[in-house]
Amino acid sequence: MMANNDMSRWCVLYTAPKSERKLVQRLHAAGYMAFCPIQIVFKKWKGQTKEVFAPLFPGCIFVEEAFYCFAGWCIFLTGR
């Protein structure tokens, strides 16, 4: 069993839909740990079925300990 101080805190950060991947890449480049769960969706275009990678939660990414969360709001820390 883990002690509470060994567990990391994750917060939800809301962003514009279809911009999740770019924001995750920018946060990684800035040194933050960010995560966006992806699912495979099959879409039909012009009679063909194609695999598309789509976010599991559109407009949401998860960020670890780089944000303070309280009362449902997250504040981004820029001093890192």
PDB file of N, CA and C in Angstrom:
ATOM      1  N   MET A   1       0.838  -1.180   0.000  1.00  0.00           N
ATOM      2  CA  MET A   1       0.000   0.000   0.000  1.00  0.00           C
ATOM      3  C   MET A   1       0.884   1.244   0.000  1.00  0.00           C
ATOM      4  N   MET A   2       0.477   2.246  -0.790  1.00  0.00           N
ATOM      5  CA  MET A   2       1.260   3.482  -0.897  1.00  0.00           C
ATOM      6  C   MET A   2       0.868   4.479   0.180  1.00  0.00           C
ATOM      7  N   ALA A   3       1.843   5.210   0.622  1.00  0.00           N
ATOM      8  CA  ALA A   3       1.550   6.313   1.537  1.00  0.00           C
ATOM      9  C   ALA A   3       0.995   7.479   0.724  1.00  0.00           C
ATOM     10  N   ASN A   4       0.222   8.337   1.346  1.00  0.00           N
ATOM     11  CA  ASN A   4      -0.387   9.452   0.636  1.00  0.00           C
ATOM     12  C   ASN A   4       0.634  10.401   0.020  1.00  0.00           C
ATOM     13  N   ASN A   5       1.794  10.567   0.659  1.00  0.00           N
ATOM     14  CA  ASN A   5       2.775  11.488   0.117  1.00  0.00           C
ATOM     15  C   ASN A   5       3.509  10.923  -1.097  1.00  0.00           C
ATOM     16  N   ASP A   6       3.380   9.620  -1.399  1.00  0.00           N
ATOM     17  CA  ASP A   6       3.995   9.026  -2.577  1.00  0.00           C
ATOM     18  C   ASP A   6       3.088   9.112  -3.803  1.00  0.00           C
ATOM     19  N   MET A   7       1.846   9.459  -3.599  1.00  0.00           N
ATOM     20  CA  MET A   7       0.900   9.525  -4.712  1.00  0.00           C
ATOM     21  C   MET A   7       0.981  10.891  -5.377  1.00  0.00           C
ATOM     22  N   SER A   8       0.911  10.899  -6.689  1.00  0.00           N
ATOM     23  CA  SER A   8       0.939  12.172  -7.395  1.00  0.00           C
ATOM     24  C   SER A   8      -0.485  12.651  -7.645  1.00  0.00           C
ATOM     25  N   ARG A   9      -0.641  13.960  -7.684  1.00  0.00           N
ATOM     26  CA  ARG A   9      -1.956  14.568  -7.911  1.00  0.00           C
ATOM     27  C   ARG A   9      -2.097  14.925  -9.380  1.00  0.00           C
ATOM     28  N   TRP A  10      -3.235  14.611  -9.950  1.00  0.00           N
ATOM     29  CA  TRP A  10      -3.534  14.932 -11.337  1.00  0.00           C
ATOM     30  C   TRP A  10      -4.744  15.847 -11.377  1.00  0.00           C
ATOM     31  N   CYS A  11      -4.697  16.847 -12.224  1.00  0.00           N
ATOM     32  CA  CYS A  11      -5.806  17.773 -12.410  1.00  0.00           C
ATOM     33  C   CYS A  11      -6.252  17.727 -13.867  1.00  0.00           C
ATOM     34  N   VAL A  12      -7.494  18.079 -14.087  1.00  0.00           N
ATOM     35  CA  VAL A  12      -8.033  18.164 -15.440  1.00  0.00           C
ATOM     36  C   VAL A  12      -7.860  19.590 -15.931  1.00  0.00           C
ATOM     37  N   LEU A  13      -7.342  19.721 -17.132  1.00  0.00           N
ATOM     38  CA  LEU A  13      -7.198  21.021 -17.766  1.00  0.00           C
ATOM     39  C   LEU A  13      -8.078  21.022 -19.006  1.00  0.00           C
ATOM     40  N   TYR A  14      -8.986  21.993 -19.089  1.00  0.00           N
ATOM     41  CA  TYR A  14      -9.888  22.074 -20.229  1.00  0.00           C
ATOM     42  C   TYR A  14      -9.259  22.932 -21.315  1.00  0.00           C
ATOM     43  N   THR A  15      -9.407  22.471 -22.566  1.00  0.00           N
ATOM     44  CA  THR A  15      -8.842  23.170 -23.714  1.00  0.00           C
ATOM     45  C   THR A  15      -9.839  23.114 -24.866  1.00  0.00           C
ATOM     46  N   ALA A  16      -9.523  23.795 -25.931  1.00  0.00           N
ATOM     47  CA  ALA A  16     -10.389  23.760 -27.109  1.00  0.00           C
ATOM     48  C   ALA A  16     -10.354  22.355 -27.715  1.00  0.00           C
ATOM     49  N   PRO A  17     -11.488  21.835 -28.149  1.00  0.00           N
ATOM     50  CA  PRO A  17     -11.488  20.518 -28.791  1.00  0.00           C
ATOM     51  C   PRO A  17     -10.568  20.505 -30.011  1.00  0.00           C
ATOM     52  N   LYS A  18      -9.972  19.366 -30.270  1.00  0.00           N
ATOM     53  CA  LYS A  18      -9.049  19.122 -31.383  1.00  0.00           C
ATOM     54  C   LYS A  18      -7.707  19.835 -31.218  1.00  0.00           C
ATOM     55  N   SER A  19      -7.416  20.351 -30.024  1.00  0.00           N
ATOM     56  CA  SER A  19      -6.101  20.952 -29.791  1.00  0.00           C
ATOM     57  C   SER A  19      -5.381  20.254 -28.639  1.00  0.00           C
ATOM     58  N   GLU A  20      -5.904  19.111 -28.203  1.00  0.00           N
ATOM     59  CA  GLU A  20      -5.347  18.415 -27.041  1.00  0.00           C
ATOM     60  C   GLU A  20      -3.917  17.940 -27.293  1.00  0.00           C
ATOM     61  N   ARG A  21      -3.676  17.333 -28.438  1.00  0.00           N
ATOM     62  CA  ARG A  21      -2.338  16.782 -28.719  1.00  0.00           C
ATOM     63  C   ARG A  21      -1.276  17.874 -28.746  1.00  0.00           C
ATOM     64  N   LYS A  22      -1.607  19.000 -29.371  1.00  0.00           N
ATOM     65  CA  LYS A  22      -0.637  20.088 -29.459  1.00  0.00           C
ATOM     66  C   LYS A  22      -0.324  20.653 -28.071  1.00  0.00           C
ATOM     67  N   LEU A  23      -1.346  20.805 -27.230  1.00  0.00           N
ATOM     68  CA  LEU A  23      -1.121  21.318 -25.884  1.00  0.00           C
ATOM     69  C   LEU A  23      -0.300  20.345 -25.041  1.00  0.00           C
ATOM     70  N   VAL A  24      -0.550  19.036 -25.181  1.00  0.00           N
ATOM     71  CA  VAL A  24       0.239  18.034 -24.459  1.00  0.00           C
ATOM     72  C   VAL A  24       1.703  18.113 -24.892  1.00  0.00           C
ATOM     73  N   GLN A  25       1.959  18.262 -26.191  1.00  0.00           N
ATOM     74  CA  GLN A  25       3.336  18.382 -26.683  1.00  0.00           C
ATOM     75  C   GLN A  25       4.011  19.626 -26.128  1.00  0.00           C
ATOM     76  N   ARG A  26       3.287  20.744 -26.076  1.00  0.00           N
ATOM     77  CA  ARG A  26       3.878  21.982 -25.554  1.00  0.00           C
ATOM     78  C   ARG A  26       4.155  21.884 -24.059  1.00  0.00           C
ATOM     79  N   LEU A  27       3.259  21.229 -23.322  1.00  0.00           N
ATOM     80  CA  LEU A  27       3.497  21.061 -21.890  1.00  0.00           C
ATOM     81  C   LEU A  27       4.687  20.136 -21.636  1.00  0.00           C
ATOM     82  N   HIS A  28       4.831  19.069 -22.442  1.00  0.00           N
ATOM     83  CA  HIS A  28       5.994  18.189 -22.311  1.00  0.00           C
ATOM     84  C   HIS A  28       7.285  18.959 -22.603  1.00  0.00           C
ATOM     85  N   ALA A  29       7.255  19.795 -23.626  1.00  0.00           N
ATOM     86  CA  ALA A  29       8.441  20.582 -23.973  1.00  0.00           C
ATOM     87  C   ALA A  29       8.805  21.558 -22.863  1.00  0.00           C
ATOM     88  N   ALA A  30       7.803  22.032 -22.114  1.00  0.00           N
ATOM     89  CA  ALA A  30       8.055  22.967 -21.011  1.00  0.00           C
ATOM     90  C   ALA A  30       8.445  22.244 -19.726  1.00  0.00           C
ATOM     91  N   GLY A  31       8.431  20.909 -19.734  1.00  0.00           N
ATOM     92  CA  GLY A  31       8.865  20.147 -18.571  1.00  0.00           C
ATOM     93  C   GLY A  31       7.757  19.651 -17.672  1.00  0.00           C
ATOM     94  N   TYR A  32       6.503  19.753 -18.096  1.00  0.00           N
ATOM     95  CA  TYR A  32       5.374  19.282 -17.297  1.00  0.00           C
ATOM     96  C   TYR A  32       4.964  17.884 -17.740  1.00  0.00           C
ATOM     97  N   MET A  33       4.378  17.121 -16.821  1.00  0.00           N
ATOM     98  CA  MET A  33       3.871  15.794 -17.142  1.00  0.00           C
ATOM     99  C   MET A  33       2.389  15.931 -17.494  1.00  0.00           C
ATOM    100  N   ALA A  34       2.042  15.686 -18.752  1.00  0.00           N
ATOM    101  CA  ALA A  34       0.662  15.803 -19.217  1.00  0.00           C
ATOM    102  C   ALA A  34       0.256  14.499 -19.907  1.00  0.00           C
ATOM    103  N   PHE A  35      -1.042  14.213 -19.883  1.00  0.00           N
ATOM    104  CA  PHE A  35      -1.552  12.965 -20.431  1.00  0.00           C
ATOM    105  C   PHE A  35      -2.908  13.209 -21.071  1.00  0.00           C
ATOM    106  N   CYS A  36      -3.082  12.660 -22.267  1.00  0.00           N
ATOM    107  CA  CYS A  36      -4.368  12.726 -22.963  1.00  0.00           C
ATOM    108  C   CYS A  36      -4.690  11.315 -23.463  1.00  0.00           C
ATOM    109  N   PRO A  37      -5.651  10.627 -22.824  1.00  0.00           N
ATOM    110  CA  PRO A  37      -5.970   9.267 -23.271  1.00  0.00           C
ATOM    111  C   PRO A  37      -6.585   9.284 -24.669  1.00  0.00           C
ATOM    112  N   ILE A  38      -6.111   8.391 -25.517  1.00  0.00           N
ATOM    113  CA  ILE A  38      -6.523   8.320 -26.918  1.00  0.00           C
ATOM    114  C   ILE A  38      -7.247   6.997 -27.170  1.00  0.00           C
ATOM    115  N   GLN A  39      -8.280   7.054 -28.006  1.00  0.00           N
ATOM    116  CA  GLN A  39      -8.988   5.841 -28.415  1.00  0.00           C
ATOM    117  C   GLN A  39      -8.982   5.758 -29.942  1.00  0.00           C
ATOM    118  N   ILE A  40      -9.118   4.544 -30.462  1.00  0.00           N
ATOM    119  CA  ILE A  40      -9.199   4.340 -31.899  1.00  0.00           C
ATOM    120  C   ILE A  40     -10.675   4.317 -32.286  1.00  0.00           C
ATOM    121  N   VAL A  41     -11.037   5.175 -33.230  1.00  0.00           N
ATOM    122  CA  VAL A  41     -12.416   5.272 -33.708  1.00  0.00           C
ATOM    123  C   VAL A  41     -12.402   4.958 -35.199  1.00  0.00           C
ATOM    124  N   PHE A  42     -13.374   4.183 -35.653  1.00  0.00           N
ATOM    125  CA  PHE A  42     -13.484   3.868 -37.065  1.00  0.00           C
ATOM    126  C   PHE A  42     -14.523   4.794 -37.686  1.00  0.00           C
ATOM    127  N   LYS A  43     -14.104   5.567 -38.704  1.00  0.00           N
ATOM    128  CA  LYS A  43     -14.993   6.518 -39.387  1.00  0.00           C
ATOM    129  C   LYS A  43     -15.109   6.136 -40.847  1.00  0.00           C
ATOM    130  N   LYS A  44     -16.257   6.444 -41.428  1.00  0.00           N
ATOM    131  CA  LYS A  44     -16.475   6.166 -42.845  1.00  0.00           C
ATOM    132  C   LYS A  44     -16.428   7.463 -43.637  1.00  0.00           C
ATOM    133  N   TRP A  45     -15.555   7.496 -44.653  1.00  0.00           N
ATOM    134  CA  TRP A  45     -15.462   8.599 -45.584  1.00  0.00           C
ATOM    135  C   TRP A  45     -15.523   8.031 -46.987  1.00  0.00           C
ATOM    136  N   LYS A  46     -16.471   8.505 -47.770  1.00  0.00           N
ATOM    137  CA  LYS A  46     -16.590   8.106 -49.179  1.00  0.00           C
ATOM    138  C   LYS A  46     -16.612   6.595 -49.338  1.00  0.00           C
ATOM    139  N   GLY A  47     -17.328   5.920 -48.458  1.00  0.00           N
ATOM    140  CA  GLY A  47     -17.457   4.474 -48.554  1.00  0.00           C
ATOM    141  C   GLY A  47     -16.290   3.677 -47.998  1.00  0.00           C
ATOM    142  N   GLN A  48     -15.280   4.332 -47.482  1.00  0.00           N
ATOM    143  CA  GLN A  48     -14.123   3.644 -46.913  1.00  0.00           C
ATOM    144  C   GLN A  48     -14.117   3.829 -45.399  1.00  0.00           C
ATOM    145  N   THR A  49     -13.711   2.797 -44.698  1.00  0.00           N
ATOM    146  CA  THR A  49     -13.588   2.868 -43.246  1.00  0.00           C
ATOM    147  C   THR A  49     -12.125   3.113 -42.894  1.00  0.00           C
ATOM    148  N   LYS A  50     -11.888   4.130 -42.068  1.00  0.00           N
ATOM    149  CA  LYS A  50     -10.520   4.471 -41.673  1.00  0.00           C
ATOM    150  C   LYS A  50     -10.411   4.534 -40.166  1.00  0.00           C
ATOM    151  N   GLU A  51      -9.212   4.233 -39.666  1.00  0.00           N
ATOM    152  CA  GLU A  51      -8.906   4.355 -38.242  1.00  0.00           C
ATOM    153  C   GLU A  51      -8.514   5.793 -37.942  1.00  0.00           C
ATOM    154  N   VAL A  52      -9.115   6.356 -36.923  1.00  0.00           N
ATOM    155  CA  VAL A  52      -8.781   7.715 -36.489  1.00  0.00           C
ATOM    156  C   VAL A  52      -8.494   7.659 -34.995  1.00  0.00           C
ATOM    157  N   PHE A  53      -7.414   8.306 -34.586  1.00  0.00           N
ATOM    158  CA  PHE A  53      -7.084   8.378 -33.168  1.00  0.00           C
ATOM    159  C   PHE A  53      -7.735   9.634 -32.602  1.00  0.00           C
ATOM    160  N   ALA A  54      -8.651   9.451 -31.659  1.00  0.00           N
ATOM    161  CA  ALA A  54      -9.404  10.566 -31.084  1.00  0.00           C
ATOM    162  C   ALA A  54      -9.241  10.553 -29.564  1.00  0.00           C
ATOM    163  N   PRO A  55      -9.278  11.730 -28.940  1.00  0.00           N
ATOM    164  CA  PRO A  55      -9.185  11.778 -27.473  1.00  0.00           C
ATOM    165  C   PRO A  55     -10.384  11.086 -26.829  1.00  0.00           C
ATOM    166  N   LEU A  56     -10.133  10.401 -25.729  1.00  0.00           N
ATOM    167  CA  LEU A  56     -11.207   9.741 -24.998  1.00  0.00           C
ATOM    168  C   LEU A  56     -12.134  10.773 -24.363  1.00  0.00           C
ATOM    169  N   PHE A  57     -11.565  11.876 -23.899  1.00  0.00           N
ATOM    170  CA  PHE A  57     -12.335  12.984 -23.323  1.00  0.00           C
ATOM    171  C   PHE A  57     -12.033  14.235 -24.145  1.00  0.00           C
ATOM    172  N   PRO A  58     -12.835  14.549 -25.161  1.00  0.00           N
ATOM    173  CA  PRO A  58     -12.544  15.717 -26.005  1.00  0.00           C
ATOM    174  C   PRO A  58     -12.514  17.008 -25.183  1.00  0.00           C
ATOM    175  N   GLY A  59     -11.481  17.795 -25.400  1.00  0.00           N
ATOM    176  CA  GLY A  59     -11.345  19.070 -24.706  1.00  0.00           C
ATOM    177  C   GLY A  59     -10.719  18.977 -23.328  1.00  0.00           C
ATOM    178  N   CYS A  60     -10.255  17.780 -22.922  1.00  0.00           N
ATOM    179  CA  CYS A  60      -9.671  17.600 -21.585  1.00  0.00           C
ATOM    180  C   CYS A  60      -8.311  16.934 -21.675  1.00  0.00           C
ATOM    181  N   ILE A  61      -7.365  17.438 -20.889  1.00  0.00           N
ATOM    182  CA  ILE A  61      -6.099  16.742 -20.690  1.00  0.00           C
ATOM    183  C   ILE A  61      -5.832  16.698 -19.197  1.00  0.00           C
ATOM    184  N   PHE A  62      -4.952  15.801 -18.807  1.00  0.00           N
ATOM    185  CA  PHE A  62      -4.618  15.619 -17.395  1.00  0.00           C
ATOM    186  C   PHE A  62      -3.177  16.064 -17.185  1.00  0.00           C
ATOM    187  N   VAL A  63      -2.959  16.871 -16.144  1.00  0.00           N
ATOM    188  CA  VAL A  63      -1.643  17.419 -15.854  1.00  0.00           C
ATOM    189  C   VAL A  63      -1.287  17.074 -14.413  1.00  0.00           C
ATOM    190  N   GLU A  64      -0.029  16.660 -14.200  1.00  0.00           N
ATOM    191  CA  GLU A  64       0.417  16.225 -12.879  1.00  0.00           C
ATOM    192  C   GLU A  64       1.135  17.329 -12.128  1.00  0.00           C
ATOM    193  N   GLU A  65       0.632  17.666 -10.951  1.00  0.00           N
ATOM    194  CA  GLU A  65       1.287  18.522  -9.956  1.00  0.00           C
ATOM    195  C   GLU A  65       1.819  19.852 -10.452  1.00  0.00           C
ATOM    196  N   ALA A  66       1.567  20.261 -11.644  1.00  0.00           N
ATOM    197  CA  ALA A  66       2.022  21.556 -12.123  1.00  0.00           C
ATOM    198  C   ALA A  66       0.947  22.610 -11.906  1.00  0.00           C
ATOM    199  N   PHE A  67      -0.182  22.174 -11.415  1.00  0.00           N
ATOM    200  CA  PHE A  67      -1.311  23.059 -11.234  1.00  0.00           C
ATOM    201  C   PHE A  67      -1.811  22.918  -9.808  1.00  0.00           C
ATOM    202  N   TYR A  68      -2.320  23.981  -9.257  1.00  0.00           N
ATOM    203  CA  TYR A  68      -3.022  23.914  -7.980  1.00  0.00           C
ATOM    204  C   TYR A  68      -4.513  23.830  -8.279  1.00  0.00           C
ATOM    205  N   CYS A  69      -5.172  22.849  -7.706  1.00  0.00           N
ATOM    206  CA  CYS A  69      -6.600  22.670  -7.932  1.00  0.00           C
ATOM    207  C   CYS A  69      -7.357  22.962  -6.647  1.00  0.00           C
ATOM    208  N   PHE A  70      -8.373  23.770  -6.768  1.00  0.00           N
ATOM    209  CA  PHE A  70      -9.244  24.020  -5.634  1.00  0.00           C
ATOM    210  C   PHE A  70     -10.587  24.485  -6.167  1.00  0.00           C
ATOM    211  N   ALA A  71     -11.638  24.054  -5.519  1.00  0.00           N
ATOM    212  CA  ALA A  71     -13.013  24.443  -5.857  1.00  0.00           C
ATOM    213  C   ALA A  71     -13.323  24.245  -7.336  1.00  0.00           C
ATOM    214  N   GLY A  72     -12.760  23.208  -7.941  1.00  0.00           N
ATOM    215  CA  GLY A  72     -13.038  22.921  -9.335  1.00  0.00           C
ATOM    216  C   GLY A  72     -12.224  23.728 -10.331  1.00  0.00           C
ATOM    217  N   TRP A  73     -11.281  24.555  -9.888  1.00  0.00           N
ATOM    218  CA  TRP A  73     -10.474  25.379 -10.766  1.00  0.00           C
ATOM    219  C   TRP A  73      -9.009  24.975 -10.645  1.00  0.00           C
ATOM    220  N   CYS A  74      -8.263  25.092 -11.729  1.00  0.00           N
ATOM    221  CA  CYS A  74      -6.826  24.835 -11.724  1.00  0.00           C
ATOM    222  C   CYS A  74      -6.099  26.108 -12.091  1.00  0.00           C
ATOM    223  N   ILE A  75      -5.021  26.395 -11.368  1.00  0.00           N
ATOM    224  CA  ILE A  75      -4.203  27.572 -11.645  1.00  0.00           C
ATOM    225  C   ILE A  75      -2.854  27.093 -12.143  1.00  0.00           C
ATOM    226  N   PHE A  76      -2.454  27.572 -13.296  1.00  0.00           N
ATOM    227  CA  PHE A  76      -1.208  27.177 -13.940  1.00  0.00           C
ATOM    228  C   PHE A  76      -0.039  27.881 -13.281  1.00  0.00           C
ATOM    229  N   LEU A  77       0.986  27.111 -12.926  1.00  0.00           N
ATOM    230  CA  LEU A  77       2.189  27.702 -12.331  1.00  0.00           C
ATOM    231  C   LEU A  77       3.202  27.977 -13.437  1.00  0.00           C
ATOM    232  N   THR A  78       3.597  29.227 -13.612  1.00  0.00           N
ATOM    233  CA  THR A  78       4.509  29.586 -14.682  1.00  0.00           C
ATOM    234  C   THR A  78       5.951  29.683 -14.225  1.00  0.00           C
ATOM    235  N   GLY A  79       6.214  29.501 -12.956  1.00  0.00           N
ATOM    236  CA  GLY A  79       7.565  29.671 -12.442  1.00  0.00           C
ATOM    237  C   GLY A  79       8.456  28.467 -12.626  1.00  0.00           C
ATOM    238  N   ARG A  80       8.055  27.480 -13.365  1.00  0.00           N
ATOM    239  CA  ARG A  80       8.856  26.269 -13.512  1.00  0.00           C
ATOM    240  C   ARG A  80       9.745  26.304 -14.710  1.00  0.00           C
TER     241      ARG A  80
END
